[in-house]
PDB file of all heavy atoms in Angstrom:
ATOM      1  N   LEU A   1      -8.191  11.706 -44.203  1.00  0.00           N
ATOM      2  CA  LEU A   1      -6.887  11.090 -43.939  1.00  0.00           C
ATOM      3  C   LEU A   1      -6.557  11.171 -42.450  1.00  0.00           C
ATOM      4  O   LEU A   1      -6.001  10.228 -41.873  1.00  0.00           O
ATOM      5  CB  LEU A   1      -5.822  11.787 -44.772  1.00  0.00           C
ATOM      6  CG  LEU A   1      -4.542  11.007 -45.110  1.00  0.00           C
ATOM      7  CD1 LEU A   1      -4.851   9.755 -45.905  1.00  0.00           C
ATOM      8  CD2 LEU A   1      -3.574  11.891 -45.876  1.00  0.00           C
ATOM      9  N   GLY A   2      -6.919  12.300 -41.829  1.00  0.00           N
ATOM     10  CA  GLY A   2      -6.700  12.455 -40.388  1.00  0.00           C
ATOM     11  C   GLY A   2      -7.520  11.464 -39.570  1.00  0.00           C
ATOM     12  O   GLY A   2      -7.012  10.867 -38.616  1.00  0.00           O
ATOM     13  N   VAL A   3      -8.790  11.282 -39.942  1.00  0.00           N
ATOM     14  CA  VAL A   3      -9.652  10.320 -39.241  1.00  0.00           C
ATOM     15  C   VAL A   3      -9.092   8.903 -39.379  1.00  0.00           C
ATOM     16  O   VAL A   3      -9.023   8.141 -38.402  1.00  0.00           O
ATOM     17  CB  VAL A   3     -11.090  10.378 -39.792  1.00  0.00           C
ATOM     18  CG1 VAL A   3     -11.931   9.234 -39.224  1.00  0.00           C
ATOM     19  CG2 VAL A   3     -11.735  11.712 -39.470  1.00  0.00           C
ATOM     20  N   THR A   4      -8.677   8.557 -40.593  1.00  0.00           N
ATOM     21  CA  THR A   4      -8.115   7.222 -40.830  1.00  0.00           C
ATOM     22  C   THR A   4      -6.834   7.020 -40.039  1.00  0.00           C
ATOM     23  O   THR A   4      -6.588   5.938 -39.485  1.00  0.00           O
ATOM     24  CB  THR A   4      -7.832   7.038 -42.337  1.00  0.00           C
ATOM     25  OG1 THR A   4      -9.008   7.347 -43.085  1.00  0.00           O
ATOM     26  CG2 THR A   4      -7.428   5.604 -42.636  1.00  0.00           C
ATOM     27  N   ASP A   5      -6.010   8.068 -39.965  1.00  0.00           N
ATOM     28  CA  ASP A   5      -4.754   7.972 -39.220  1.00  0.00           C
ATOM     29  C   ASP A   5      -5.010   7.770 -37.729  1.00  0.00           C
ATOM     30  O   ASP A   5      -4.318   6.978 -37.069  1.00  0.00           O
ATOM     31  CB  ASP A   5      -3.926   9.235 -39.455  1.00  0.00           C
ATOM     32  CG  ASP A   5      -2.494   9.073 -38.992  1.00  0.00           C
ATOM     33  OD1 ASP A   5      -1.910   7.990 -39.215  1.00  0.00           O
ATOM     34  OD2 ASP A   5      -1.940  10.017 -38.416  1.00  0.00           O
ATOM     35  N   ILE A   6      -6.007   8.467 -37.188  1.00  0.00           N
ATOM     36  CA  ILE A   6      -6.367   8.291 -35.778  1.00  0.00           C
ATOM     37  C   ILE A   6      -6.833   6.865 -35.520  1.00  0.00           C
ATOM     38  O   ILE A   6      -6.420   6.207 -34.556  1.00  0.00           O
ATOM     39  CB  ILE A   6      -7.462   9.300 -35.378  1.00  0.00           C
ATOM     40  CG1 ILE A   6      -6.897  10.724 -35.326  1.00  0.00           C
ATOM     41  CG2 ILE A   6      -8.080   8.929 -34.028  1.00  0.00           C
ATOM     42  CD1 ILE A   6      -7.943  11.796 -35.089  1.00  0.00           C
ATOM     43  N   ALA A   7      -7.705   6.362 -36.399  1.00  0.00           N
ATOM     44  CA  ALA A   7      -8.226   5.010 -36.227  1.00  0.00           C
ATOM     45  C   ALA A   7      -7.132   3.961 -36.364  1.00  0.00           C
ATOM     46  O   ALA A   7      -7.076   2.989 -35.597  1.00  0.00           O
ATOM     47  CB  ALA A   7      -9.332   4.753 -37.253  1.00  0.00           C
ATOM     48  N   LEU A   8      -6.230   4.153 -37.332  1.00  0.00           N
ATOM     49  CA  LEU A   8      -5.151   3.194 -37.550  1.00  0.00           C
ATOM     50  C   LEU A   8      -4.196   3.169 -36.358  1.00  0.00           C
ATOM     51  O   LEU A   8      -3.803   2.092 -35.883  1.00  0.00           O
ATOM     52  CB  LEU A   8      -4.392   3.543 -38.833  1.00  0.00           C
ATOM     53  CG  LEU A   8      -3.233   2.621 -39.234  1.00  0.00           C
ATOM     54  CD1 LEU A   8      -3.721   1.195 -39.424  1.00  0.00           C
ATOM     55  CD2 LEU A   8      -2.575   3.134 -40.511  1.00  0.00           C
ATOM     56  N   SER A   9      -3.825   4.344 -35.865  1.00  0.00           N
ATOM     57  CA  SER A   9      -2.929   4.415 -34.703  1.00  0.00           C
ATOM     58  C   SER A   9      -3.561   3.772 -33.482  1.00  0.00           C
ATOM     59  O   SER A   9      -2.896   3.050 -32.727  1.00  0.00           O
ATOM     60  CB  SER A   9      -2.579   5.877 -34.402  1.00  0.00           C
ATOM     61  OG  SER A   9      -1.944   6.494 -35.499  1.00  0.00           O
ATOM     62  N   THR A  10      -4.859   4.010 -33.291  1.00  0.00           N
ATOM     63  CA  THR A  10      -5.555   3.452 -32.141  1.00  0.00           C
ATOM     64  C   THR A  10      -5.697   1.935 -32.246  1.00  0.00           C
ATOM     65  O   THR A  10      -5.766   1.242 -31.227  1.00  0.00           O
ATOM     66  CB  THR A  10      -6.939   4.111 -31.997  1.00  0.00           C
ATOM     67  OG1 THR A  10      -6.775   5.532 -31.907  1.00  0.00           O
ATOM     68  CG2 THR A  10      -7.658   3.628 -30.748  1.00  0.00           C
ATOM     69  N   SER A  11      -5.715   1.419 -33.462  1.00  0.00           N
ATOM     70  CA  SER A  11      -5.807  -0.029 -33.662  1.00  0.00           C
ATOM     71  C   SER A  11      -4.513  -0.737 -33.308  1.00  0.00           C
ATOM     72  O   SER A  11      -4.519  -1.938 -33.019  1.00  0.00           O
ATOM     73  CB  SER A  11      -6.168  -0.338 -35.126  1.00  0.00           C
ATOM     74  OG  SER A  11      -7.403   0.218 -35.479  1.00  0.00           O
ATOM     75  N   ILE A  12      -3.394  -0.010 -33.322  1.00  0.00           N
ATOM     76  CA  ILE A  12      -2.083  -0.634 -33.131  1.00  0.00           C
ATOM     77  C   ILE A  12      -1.449  -0.268 -31.794  1.00  0.00           C
ATOM     78  O   ILE A  12      -1.040  -1.142 -31.024  1.00  0.00           O
ATOM     79  CB  ILE A  12      -1.130  -0.228 -34.273  1.00  0.00           C
ATOM     80  CG1 ILE A  12      -1.647  -0.733 -35.618  1.00  0.00           C
ATOM     81  CG2 ILE A  12       0.269  -0.771 -34.014  1.00  0.00           C
ATOM     82  CD1 ILE A  12      -0.833  -0.262 -36.806  1.00  0.00           C
ATOM     83  N   VAL A  13      -1.342   1.033 -31.507  1.00  0.00           N
ATOM     84  CA  VAL A  13      -0.472   1.501 -30.424  1.00  0.00           C
ATOM     85  C   VAL A  13      -0.930   1.080 -29.028  1.00  0.00           C
ATOM     86  O   VAL A  13      -0.093   0.638 -28.218  1.00  0.00           O
ATOM     87  CB  VAL A  13      -0.281   3.026 -30.509  1.00  0.00           C
ATOM     88  CG1 VAL A  13       0.587   3.520 -29.349  1.00  0.00           C
ATOM     89  CG2 VAL A  13       0.356   3.403 -31.832  1.00  0.00           C
ATOM     90  N   PRO A  14      -2.219   1.201 -28.641  1.00  0.00           N
ATOM     91  CA  PRO A  14      -2.592   0.820 -27.273  1.00  0.00           C
ATOM     92  C   PRO A  14      -2.212  -0.617 -26.918  1.00  0.00           C
ATOM     93  O   PRO A  14      -1.679  -0.874 -25.828  1.00  0.00           O
ATOM     94  CB  PRO A  14      -4.109   1.025 -27.256  1.00  0.00           C
ATOM     95  CG  PRO A  14      -4.342   2.096 -28.264  1.00  0.00           C
ATOM     96  CD  PRO A  14      -3.363   1.821 -29.359  1.00  0.00           C
ATOM     97  N   LYS A  15      -2.487  -1.565 -27.819  1.00  0.00           N
ATOM     98  CA  LYS A  15      -2.108  -2.953 -27.549  1.00  0.00           C
ATOM     99  C   LYS A  15      -0.586  -3.093 -27.507  1.00  0.00           C
ATOM    100  O   LYS A  15      -0.047  -3.836 -26.669  1.00  0.00           O
ATOM    101  CB  LYS A  15      -2.689  -3.860 -28.635  1.00  0.00           C
ATOM    102  CG  LYS A  15      -2.313  -5.336 -28.471  1.00  0.00           C
ATOM    103  CD  LYS A  15      -2.788  -5.897 -27.144  1.00  0.00           C
ATOM    104  CE  LYS A  15      -2.406  -7.347 -26.971  1.00  0.00           C
ATOM    105  NZ  LYS A  15      -2.785  -7.887 -25.651  1.00  0.00           N
ATOM    106  N   MET A  16       0.108  -2.378 -28.376  1.00  0.00           N
ATOM    107  CA  MET A  16       1.566  -2.425 -28.385  1.00  0.00           C
ATOM    108  C   MET A  16       2.133  -1.919 -27.060  1.00  0.00           C
ATOM    109  O   MET A  16       3.052  -2.530 -26.488  1.00  0.00           O
ATOM    110  CB  MET A  16       2.098  -1.573 -29.546  1.00  0.00           C
ATOM    111  CG  MET A  16       3.596  -1.632 -29.746  1.00  0.00           C
ATOM    112  SD  MET A  16       4.149  -0.538 -31.077  1.00  0.00           S
ATOM    113  CE  MET A  16       3.378  -1.311 -32.486  1.00  0.00           C
ATOM    114  N   LEU A  17       1.588  -0.836 -26.537  1.00  0.00           N
ATOM    115  CA  LEU A  17       2.051  -0.308 -25.251  1.00  0.00           C
ATOM    116  C   LEU A  17       1.705  -1.259 -24.109  1.00  0.00           C
ATOM    117  O   LEU A  17       2.447  -1.353 -23.121  1.00  0.00           O
ATOM    118  CB  LEU A  17       1.434   1.064 -24.999  1.00  0.00           C
ATOM    119  CG  LEU A  17       1.867   2.175 -25.965  1.00  0.00           C
ATOM    120  CD1 LEU A  17       1.156   3.478 -25.620  1.00  0.00           C
ATOM    121  CD2 LEU A  17       3.381   2.365 -25.949  1.00  0.00           C
ATOM    122  N   GLY A  18       0.581  -1.975 -24.250  1.00  0.00           N
ATOM    123  CA  GLY A  18       0.235  -2.984 -23.253  1.00  0.00           C
ATOM    124  C   GLY A  18       1.269  -4.092 -23.192  1.00  0.00           C
ATOM    125  O   GLY A  18       1.581  -4.615 -22.114  1.00  0.00           O
ATOM    126  N   ILE A  19       1.814  -4.440 -24.368  1.00  0.00           N
ATOM    127  CA  ILE A  19       2.883  -5.451 -24.424  1.00  0.00           C
ATOM    128  C   ILE A  19       4.172  -4.890 -23.830  1.00  0.00           C
ATOM    129  O   ILE A  19       4.838  -5.534 -23.014  1.00  0.00           O
ATOM    130  CB  ILE A  19       3.107  -5.906 -25.873  1.00  0.00           C
ATOM    131  CG1 ILE A  19       1.849  -6.568 -26.432  1.00  0.00           C
ATOM    132  CG2 ILE A  19       4.285  -6.865 -25.966  1.00  0.00           C
ATOM    133  CD1 ILE A  19       1.905  -6.805 -27.930  1.00  0.00           C
ATOM    134  N   PHE A  20       4.541  -3.690 -24.246  1.00  0.00           N
ATOM    135  CA  PHE A  20       5.813  -3.096 -23.833  1.00  0.00           C
ATOM    136  C   PHE A  20       5.871  -2.802 -22.338  1.00  0.00           C
ATOM    137  O   PHE A  20       6.884  -3.047 -21.685  1.00  0.00           O
ATOM    138  CB  PHE A  20       6.064  -1.804 -24.609  1.00  0.00           C
ATOM    139  CG  PHE A  20       6.341  -2.008 -26.077  1.00  0.00           C
ATOM    140  CD1 PHE A  20       6.413  -0.916 -26.929  1.00  0.00           C
ATOM    141  CD2 PHE A  20       6.550  -3.272 -26.610  1.00  0.00           C
ATOM    142  CE1 PHE A  20       6.680  -1.079 -28.286  1.00  0.00           C
ATOM    143  CE2 PHE A  20       6.810  -3.447 -27.962  1.00  0.00           C
ATOM    144  CZ  PHE A  20       6.874  -2.352 -28.799  1.00  0.00           C
ATOM    145  N   TRP A  21       4.785  -2.233 -21.796  1.00  0.00           N
ATOM    146  CA  TRP A  21       4.808  -1.723 -20.419  1.00  0.00           C
ATOM    147  C   TRP A  21       4.201  -2.666 -19.394  1.00  0.00           C
ATOM    148  O   TRP A  21       4.641  -2.700 -18.247  1.00  0.00           O
ATOM    149  CB  TRP A  21       4.085  -0.382 -20.364  1.00  0.00           C
ATOM    150  CG  TRP A  21       4.840   0.736 -21.028  1.00  0.00           C
ATOM    151  CD1 TRP A  21       6.155   0.720 -21.405  1.00  0.00           C
ATOM    152  CD2 TRP A  21       4.338   2.025 -21.373  1.00  0.00           C
ATOM    153  NE1 TRP A  21       6.490   1.922 -21.978  1.00  0.00           N
ATOM    154  CE2 TRP A  21       5.404   2.747 -21.972  1.00  0.00           C
ATOM    155  CE3 TRP A  21       3.102   2.642 -21.253  1.00  0.00           C
ATOM    156  CZ2 TRP A  21       5.252   4.053 -22.435  1.00  0.00           C
ATOM    157  CZ3 TRP A  21       2.944   3.944 -21.715  1.00  0.00           C
ATOM    158  CH2 TRP A  21       4.020   4.640 -22.302  1.00  0.00           C
ATOM    159  N   PHE A  22       3.161  -3.399 -19.766  1.00  0.00           N
ATOM    160  CA  PHE A  22       2.437  -4.208 -18.783  1.00  0.00           C
ATOM    161  C   PHE A  22       2.516  -5.707 -19.076  1.00  0.00           C
ATOM    162  O   PHE A  22       1.878  -6.496 -18.383  1.00  0.00           O
ATOM    163  CB  PHE A  22       0.967  -3.758 -18.724  1.00  0.00           C
ATOM    164  CG  PHE A  22       0.809  -2.277 -18.498  1.00  0.00           C
ATOM    165  CD1 PHE A  22       0.385  -1.450 -19.525  1.00  0.00           C
ATOM    166  CD2 PHE A  22       1.109  -1.725 -17.263  1.00  0.00           C
ATOM    167  CE1 PHE A  22       0.249  -0.078 -19.317  1.00  0.00           C
ATOM    168  CE2 PHE A  22       0.964  -0.358 -17.043  1.00  0.00           C
ATOM    169  CZ  PHE A  22       0.543   0.466 -18.076  1.00  0.00           C
ATOM    170  N   HIS A  23       3.271  -6.076 -20.119  1.00  0.00           N
ATOM    171  CA  HIS A  23       3.477  -7.484 -20.483  1.00  0.00           C
ATOM    172  C   HIS A  23       2.147  -8.216 -20.731  1.00  0.00           C
ATOM    173  O   HIS A  23       2.014  -9.403 -20.417  1.00  0.00           O
ATOM    174  CB  HIS A  23       4.288  -8.209 -19.411  1.00  0.00           C
ATOM    175  CG  HIS A  23       5.597  -7.534 -19.097  1.00  0.00           C
ATOM    176  ND1 HIS A  23       6.661  -7.517 -19.981  1.00  0.00           N
ATOM    177  CD2 HIS A  23       6.003  -6.836 -18.001  1.00  0.00           C
ATOM    178  CE1 HIS A  23       7.663  -6.847 -19.450  1.00  0.00           C
ATOM    179  NE2 HIS A  23       7.295  -6.410 -18.254  1.00  0.00           N
ATOM    180  N   ILE A  24       1.186  -7.486 -21.287  1.00  0.00           N
ATOM    181  CA  ILE A  24      -0.093  -8.096 -21.672  1.00  0.00           C
ATOM    182  C   ILE A  24       0.071  -8.616 -23.102  1.00  0.00           C
ATOM    183  O   ILE A  24      -0.274  -7.946 -24.072  1.00  0.00           O
ATOM    184  CB  ILE A  24      -1.250  -7.082 -21.570  1.00  0.00           C
ATOM    185  CG1 ILE A  24      -1.300  -6.472 -20.173  1.00  0.00           C
ATOM    186  CG2 ILE A  24      -2.579  -7.758 -21.899  1.00  0.00           C
ATOM    187  CD1 ILE A  24      -2.314  -5.348 -20.038  1.00  0.00           C
ATOM    188  N   THR A  25       0.625  -9.794 -23.211  1.00  0.00           N
ATOM    189  CA  THR A  25       1.000 -10.328 -24.527  1.00  0.00           C
ATOM    190  C   THR A  25      -0.095 -11.171 -25.168  1.00  0.00           C
ATOM    191  O   THR A  25      -0.058 -11.406 -26.368  1.00  0.00           O
ATOM    192  CB  THR A  25       2.265 -11.191 -24.405  1.00  0.00           C
ATOM    193  OG1 THR A  25       2.036 -12.249 -23.472  1.00  0.00           O
ATOM    194  CG2 THR A  25       3.436 -10.352 -23.912  1.00  0.00           C
ATOM    195  N   GLU A  26      -1.048 -11.641 -24.390  1.00  0.00           N
ATOM    196  CA  GLU A  26      -2.077 -12.523 -24.942  1.00  0.00           C
ATOM    197  C   GLU A  26      -3.170 -11.717 -25.640  1.00  0.00           C
ATOM    198  O   GLU A  26      -3.510 -10.602 -25.230  1.00  0.00           O
ATOM    199  CB  GLU A  26      -2.691 -13.383 -23.837  1.00  0.00           C
ATOM    200  CG  GLU A  26      -1.724 -14.419 -23.266  1.00  0.00           C
ATOM    201  CD  GLU A  26      -2.421 -15.370 -22.313  1.00  0.00           C
ATOM    202  OE1 GLU A  26      -3.550 -15.057 -21.877  1.00  0.00           O
ATOM    203  OE2 GLU A  26      -1.840 -16.428 -22.006  1.00  0.00           O
ATOM    204  N   ILE A  27      -3.695 -12.309 -26.691  1.00  0.00           N
ATOM    205  CA  ILE A  27      -4.808 -11.709 -27.432  1.00  0.00           C
ATOM    206  C   ILE A  27      -5.683 -12.831 -27.963  1.00  0.00           C
ATOM    207  O   ILE A  27      -5.170 -13.855 -28.435  1.00  0.00           O
ATOM    208  CB  ILE A  27      -4.299 -10.812 -28.591  1.00  0.00           C
ATOM    209  CG1 ILE A  27      -5.472 -10.131 -29.306  1.00  0.00           C
ATOM    210  CG2 ILE A  27      -3.452 -11.599 -29.575  1.00  0.00           C
ATOM    211  CD1 ILE A  27      -5.040  -9.069 -30.316  1.00  0.00           C
ATOM    212  N   TYR A  28      -6.988 -12.693 -27.827  1.00  0.00           N
ATOM    213  CA  TYR A  28      -7.894 -13.719 -28.349  1.00  0.00           C
ATOM    214  C   TYR A  28      -7.735 -13.817 -29.863  1.00  0.00           C
ATOM    215  O   TYR A  28      -7.487 -12.818 -30.539  1.00  0.00           O
ATOM    216  CB  TYR A  28      -9.341 -13.387 -27.993  1.00  0.00           C
ATOM    217  CG  TYR A  28      -9.674 -13.593 -26.530  1.00  0.00           C
ATOM    218  CD1 TYR A  28      -9.918 -12.504 -25.701  1.00  0.00           C
ATOM    219  CD2 TYR A  28      -9.737 -14.872 -25.989  1.00  0.00           C
ATOM    220  CE1 TYR A  28     -10.212 -12.678 -24.357  1.00  0.00           C
ATOM    221  CE2 TYR A  28     -10.036 -15.064 -24.648  1.00  0.00           C
ATOM    222  CZ  TYR A  28     -10.270 -13.964 -23.836  1.00  0.00           C
ATOM    223  OH  TYR A  28     -10.549 -14.145 -22.512  1.00  0.00           O
ATOM    224  N   PHE A  29      -7.886 -15.033 -30.363  1.00  0.00           N
ATOM    225  CA  PHE A  29      -7.690 -15.267 -31.795  1.00  0.00           C
ATOM    226  C   PHE A  29      -8.616 -14.379 -32.628  1.00  0.00           C
ATOM    227  O   PHE A  29      -8.178 -13.750 -33.605  1.00  0.00           O
ATOM    228  CB  PHE A  29      -7.932 -16.745 -32.121  1.00  0.00           C
ATOM    229  CG  PHE A  29      -7.625 -17.114 -33.537  1.00  0.00           C
ATOM    230  CD1 PHE A  29      -6.325 -17.386 -33.931  1.00  0.00           C
ATOM    231  CD2 PHE A  29      -8.629 -17.176 -34.497  1.00  0.00           C
ATOM    232  CE1 PHE A  29      -6.027 -17.718 -35.249  1.00  0.00           C
ATOM    233  CE2 PHE A  29      -8.345 -17.510 -35.803  1.00  0.00           C
ATOM    234  CZ  PHE A  29      -7.043 -17.783 -36.181  1.00  0.00           C
TER     235      PHE A  29
END
């Protein structure tokens, strides 16, 4: 469960912070 939680958080949060802080809103389809 811990491994899955790490992977799930890493799949979401880094890109989200890129949007929030650096305005990197584009993502390839």
